[in-house]
Amino acid sequence: MPQVPLSRKVTAEFVGTFWLVLGGCGSAVLAAAFPSVGIGLLGVSFAFGLTVLTMAYAIGHISGCHLNPAVSIGLWAGKRFPAAELAPYIIAQVLGAIAGASVLYLIASGKTGFNLAAGFASNGYGAHSPGGYSLQAGLISEVVFTFAFLFIILGSTHPSAPKGFAPIAIGLGLTLIHLISIPVTNTSVNPARSTGPAIFAGGWALSQLWLFWVAPIAGAVLGGVIYTLIVGKTEDEVGEREGEPLARLT
């Protein structure tokens, strides 16, 4: 696999995270409760999964398609990603998320009666949890589901896994996570995804944002470390993948 310049990798991460926030959060803000034909929680869950699936095929060969600071950190913990590229990746992901939320705001605010007080697809707990779940419930949910997400990513991109199907497994994995956890925190498992909308919603969304950095990163590190302990390294992984971003997904 030819070495891709870091500038191209971070540009791909910016575009991919832009698409994730615009597509995933956009489905929640614009389409979830649209009169009579709203897509509901099922539709929003699939929208998030589809953003990752489509971008995995589009940019997986360029940057690995992390789109998520927790994923980048978890891959580093799982010895699949170099520490030197963590900061550039995370900065690009957060900026992409903010750009996606900016475009979503420009579209959503074009409707009469638009109100940011509704939350703008922000993540929250307590009074701001869709189902009224506590801080403790939100913390457990975000740690466990991000752990599971990293396990799926690491497993589906392992040298022994079927080639070319990783984006499907990862996209459907994220869909399943949303199907379960939207009522708890509106589902983050991604600090960048949480940051973009929170900047526009302000107030409570920003004050609760800390949880959606701490919990996903903790879950991702656990996922990366435990997967590596269980599976270990194959000769192929040592010889071909060490030091790369997330392995080719196609």
Protein backbone atom coordinates (compact mmCIF):
# COMPACT_ATOMS: atom_id res chain seq x y z
CA MET A 1 0.00 0.00 0.00
CA PRO A 2 1.62 3.33 -1.09
CA GLN A 3 2.28 5.83 1.67
CA VAL A 4 -0.37 8.56 1.70
CA PRO A 5 0.78 12.06 2.74
CA LEU A 6 -0.60 13.21 6.09
CA SER A 7 -2.15 16.28 4.43
CA ARG A 8 -4.33 14.03 2.27
CA LYS A 9 -5.27 11.86 5.22
CA VAL A 10 -6.45 14.74 7.38
CA THR A 11 -8.33 16.31 4.47
CA ALA A 12 -10.15 13.01 3.97
CA GLU A 13 -10.95 12.87 7.68
CA PHE A 14 -12.32 16.41 7.54
CA VAL A 15 -14.61 15.57 4.61
CA GLY A 16 -15.69 12.25 6.10
CA THR A 17 -16.57 13.71 9.50
CA PHE A 18 -18.37 16.58 7.77
CA TRP A 19 -20.52 13.98 6.00
CA LEU A 20 -21.15 12.01 9.18
CA VAL A 21 -22.48 15.04 11.07
CA LEU A 22 -24.41 16.47 8.14
CA GLY A 23 -25.96 13.11 7.27
CA GLY A 24 -26.46 11.65 10.73
CA CYS A 25 -27.39 14.75 12.72
CA GLY A 26 -29.17 16.15 9.67
CA SER A 27 -31.49 13.15 9.62
CA ALA A 28 -32.36 13.82 13.26
CA VAL A 29 -32.89 17.56 12.85
CA LEU A 30 -34.57 17.66 9.45
CA ALA A 31 -36.28 14.32 8.92
CA ALA A 32 -36.85 12.39 12.17
CA ALA A 33 -40.17 14.00 13.06
CA PHE A 34 -41.21 15.41 9.70
CA PRO A 35 -45.03 15.52 9.63
CA SER A 36 -46.64 12.23 8.62
CA VAL A 37 -43.56 10.73 6.92
CA GLY A 38 -40.82 11.23 9.52
CA ILE A 39 -38.08 8.60 9.58
CA GLY A 40 -38.06 8.27 13.38
CA LEU A 41 -35.34 6.64 15.49
CA LEU A 42 -34.99 3.74 13.06
CA GLY A 43 -34.25 6.09 10.19
CA VAL A 44 -31.79 8.19 12.19
CA SER A 45 -29.95 5.03 13.27
CA PHE A 46 -29.58 3.89 9.68
CA ALA A 47 -28.52 7.37 8.58
CA PHE A 48 -25.55 7.34 10.95
CA GLY A 49 -24.59 3.86 9.85
CA LEU A 50 -24.86 4.78 6.19
CA THR A 51 -22.61 7.83 6.56
CA VAL A 52 -19.82 5.62 7.91
CA LEU A 53 -20.42 2.83 5.39
CA THR A 54 -20.36 5.18 2.39
CA MET A 55 -17.30 7.10 3.58
CA ALA A 56 -15.45 3.90 4.45
CA TYR A 57 -15.60 2.92 0.79
CA ALA A 58 -14.87 6.49 -0.34
CA ILE A 59 -11.88 7.36 1.87
CA GLY A 60 -10.92 4.17 3.69
CA HIS A 61 -7.97 3.70 1.34
CA ILE A 62 -6.79 7.26 2.03
CA SER A 63 -7.09 7.86 5.77
CA GLY A 64 -8.63 4.68 7.15
CA CYS A 65 -11.95 6.53 7.65
CA HIS A 66 -11.86 7.02 11.41
CA LEU A 67 -14.21 10.08 11.50
CA ASN A 68 -14.03 9.92 15.28
CA PRO A 69 -11.36 10.94 17.85
CA ALA A 70 -12.30 7.96 20.02
CA VAL A 71 -11.73 5.58 17.10
CA SER A 72 -8.31 7.09 16.35
CA ILE A 73 -7.30 6.82 20.02
CA GLY A 74 -8.71 3.29 20.28
CA LEU A 75 -6.78 2.20 17.19
CA TRP A 76 -3.65 3.66 18.72
CA ALA A 77 -4.36 1.69 21.93
CA GLY A 78 -4.83 -1.39 19.75
CA LYS A 79 -1.45 -0.77 18.06
CA ARG A 80 -3.04 -0.03 14.69
CA PHE A 81 -2.33 3.71 14.51
CA PRO A 82 0.78 5.87 15.13
CA ALA A 83 0.72 8.32 18.03
CA ALA A 84 2.34 11.00 15.86
CA GLU A 85 -0.81 11.28 13.73
CA LEU A 86 -3.35 11.42 16.58
CA ALA A 87 -3.44 15.20 17.02
CA PRO A 88 -3.77 16.05 13.28
CA TYR A 89 -6.52 13.46 12.87
CA ILE A 90 -8.48 14.66 15.90
CA ILE A 91 -8.21 18.32 14.87
CA ALA A 92 -9.42 17.49 11.35
CA GLN A 93 -12.31 15.43 12.71
CA VAL A 94 -13.49 18.14 15.09
CA LEU A 95 -13.24 20.83 12.39
CA GLY A 96 -15.13 18.59 9.96
CA ALA A 97 -17.86 18.06 12.55
CA ILE A 98 -18.17 21.80 13.15
CA ALA A 99 -18.34 22.41 9.39
CA GLY A 100 -21.06 19.77 9.05
CA ALA A 101 -23.04 21.32 11.91
CA SER A 102 -22.60 24.76 10.31
CA VAL A 103 -24.13 23.64 7.01
CA LEU A 104 -26.92 21.85 8.89
CA TYR A 105 -27.64 25.04 10.82
CA LEU A 106 -27.83 27.08 7.60
CA ILE A 107 -30.35 24.62 6.19
CA ALA A 108 -32.41 24.08 9.36
CA SER A 109 -32.64 27.78 10.20
CA GLY A 110 -34.30 28.38 6.84
CA LYS A 111 -37.57 27.03 8.24
CA THR A 112 -39.98 29.31 10.07
CA GLY A 113 -40.09 28.45 13.75
CA PHE A 114 -36.68 26.80 13.91
CA ASN A 115 -35.45 26.77 17.50
CA LEU A 116 -31.99 25.73 18.72
CA ALA A 117 -33.52 25.13 22.16
CA ALA A 118 -34.73 21.79 20.83
CA GLY A 119 -31.12 20.65 21.12
CA PHE A 120 -29.96 20.51 17.49
CA ALA A 121 -29.24 16.74 17.78
CA SER A 122 -26.93 17.35 20.75
CA ASN A 123 -26.07 14.59 23.19
CA GLY A 124 -27.20 14.84 26.79
CA TYR A 125 -28.09 13.14 30.04
CA GLY A 126 -30.56 13.76 32.86
CA ALA A 127 -33.15 16.31 31.78
CA HIS A 128 -31.53 16.41 28.34
CA SER A 129 -31.55 12.66 27.72
CA PRO A 130 -34.30 11.76 25.21
CA GLY A 131 -35.53 9.12 27.65
CA GLY A 132 -34.64 10.91 30.87
CA TYR A 133 -31.65 8.67 31.68
CA SER A 134 -29.18 9.68 34.39
CA LEU A 135 -25.52 10.69 34.14
CA GLN A 136 -24.53 7.23 35.37
CA ALA A 137 -26.63 5.53 32.70
CA GLY A 138 -25.20 7.81 30.03
CA LEU A 139 -21.64 7.15 31.16
CA ILE A 140 -22.09 3.37 31.12
CA SER A 141 -23.86 3.48 27.75
CA GLU A 142 -21.19 5.56 26.03
CA VAL A 143 -18.29 3.53 27.44
CA VAL A 144 -19.81 0.14 26.62
CA PHE A 145 -21.06 0.98 23.14
CA THR A 146 -17.83 2.68 22.10
CA PHE A 147 -15.97 -0.38 23.40
CA ALA A 148 -18.18 -2.56 21.20
CA PHE A 149 -17.68 -0.25 18.21
CA LEU A 150 -13.88 -0.54 18.46
CA PHE A 151 -14.17 -4.31 18.79
CA ILE A 152 -16.17 -4.42 15.55
CA ILE A 153 -13.70 -2.14 13.76
CA LEU A 154 -10.63 -4.07 14.87
CA GLY A 155 -12.22 -7.44 14.14
CA SER A 156 -13.63 -6.62 10.73
CA THR A 157 -10.31 -5.12 9.56
CA HIS A 158 -8.19 -7.99 10.89
CA PRO A 159 -6.10 -9.79 8.24
CA SER A 160 -8.13 -12.96 8.77
CA ALA A 161 -11.50 -11.24 8.24
CA PRO A 162 -13.27 -11.45 4.85
CA LYS A 163 -11.81 -8.79 2.55
CA GLY A 164 -13.94 -5.87 1.42
CA PHE A 165 -16.77 -6.31 3.93
CA ALA A 166 -15.45 -4.22 6.82
CA PRO A 167 -17.44 -1.08 5.90
CA ILE A 168 -20.67 -3.09 6.01
CA ALA A 169 -19.90 -4.55 9.43
CA ILE A 170 -18.80 -1.18 10.80
CA GLY A 171 -21.76 0.71 9.34
CA LEU A 172 -24.29 -1.83 10.60
CA GLY A 173 -22.52 -1.91 13.96
CA LEU A 174 -22.98 1.84 14.32
CA THR A 175 -26.61 1.46 13.23
CA LEU A 176 -27.21 -1.13 15.96
CA ILE A 177 -25.54 1.06 18.56
CA HIS A 178 -27.88 3.91 17.66
CA LEU A 179 -30.94 1.66 17.70
CA ILE A 180 -30.15 0.76 21.29
CA SER A 181 -28.80 3.98 22.76
CA ILE A 182 -30.55 6.97 21.15
CA PRO A 183 -33.06 7.05 24.03
CA VAL A 184 -30.22 7.18 26.58
CA THR A 185 -27.92 9.98 25.34
CA ASN A 186 -29.02 10.58 21.74
CA THR A 187 -25.96 8.41 20.99
CA SER A 188 -22.52 9.89 20.72
CA VAL A 189 -19.71 7.25 20.74
CA ASN A 190 -17.90 10.06 18.90
CA PRO A 191 -16.56 13.23 20.56
CA ALA A 192 -16.39 15.14 17.26
CA ARG A 193 -20.03 14.32 16.41
CA SER A 194 -21.00 15.65 19.86
CA THR A 195 -18.91 18.80 19.60
CA GLY A 196 -20.28 20.13 16.31
CA PRO A 197 -23.96 20.37 17.33
CA ALA A 198 -23.11 21.41 20.92
CA ILE A 199 -21.31 24.52 19.71
CA PHE A 200 -24.53 25.70 18.06
CA ALA A 201 -26.92 24.55 20.80
CA GLY A 202 -24.73 26.12 23.50
CA GLY A 203 -25.85 26.20 27.15
CA TRP A 204 -26.58 22.75 28.54
CA ALA A 205 -25.13 20.99 25.47
CA LEU A 206 -21.72 22.55 26.05
CA SER A 207 -21.85 22.00 29.81
CA GLN A 208 -22.53 18.27 29.29
CA LEU A 209 -20.07 17.85 26.41
CA TRP A 210 -17.31 16.62 28.73
CA LEU A 211 -19.08 13.26 29.13
CA PHE A 212 -19.10 12.70 25.38
CA TRP A 213 -15.35 13.10 25.23
CA VAL A 214 -14.41 11.18 28.38
CA ALA A 215 -16.73 8.17 28.03
CA PRO A 216 -16.19 7.36 24.31
CA ILE A 217 -12.41 7.70 24.64
CA ALA A 218 -12.38 5.45 27.72
CA GLY A 219 -14.50 2.85 25.94
CA ALA A 220 -12.35 3.01 22.81
CA VAL A 221 -9.11 2.53 24.75
CA LEU A 222 -10.61 -0.45 26.56
CA GLY A 223 -11.76 -1.89 23.23
CA GLY A 224 -8.34 -1.45 21.62
CA VAL A 225 -6.41 -2.93 24.54
CA ILE A 226 -8.74 -5.86 25.22
CA TYR A 227 -9.08 -6.81 21.55
CA THR A 228 -5.31 -6.89 21.21
CA LEU A 229 -4.98 -9.03 24.35
CA ILE A 230 -7.57 -11.51 23.07
CA VAL A 231 -6.48 -11.76 19.46
CA GLY A 232 -2.80 -10.89 19.63
CA LYS A 233 -0.91 -10.17 16.41
CA THR A 234 -0.66 -12.31 13.34
CA GLU A 235 2.50 -12.30 11.20
CA ASP A 236 0.59 -10.43 8.49
CA GLU A 237 -0.47 -7.76 10.95
CA VAL A 238 3.04 -7.24 12.23
CA GLY A 239 4.57 -7.16 8.76
CA GLU A 240 1.97 -5.18 6.85
CA ARG A 241 -0.23 -3.16 9.19
CA GLU A 242 1.74 -1.88 12.12
CA GLY A 243 2.03 1.89 11.97
CA GLU A 244 -0.75 2.31 9.40
CA PRO A 245 -4.09 3.99 10.07
CA LEU A 246 -7.14 1.74 10.04
CA ALA A 247 -6.41 -0.97 7.48
CA ARG A 248 -7.82 -0.85 3.97
CA LEU A 249 -11.56 -1.27 4.22
CA THR A 250 -12.18 -2.23 0.62
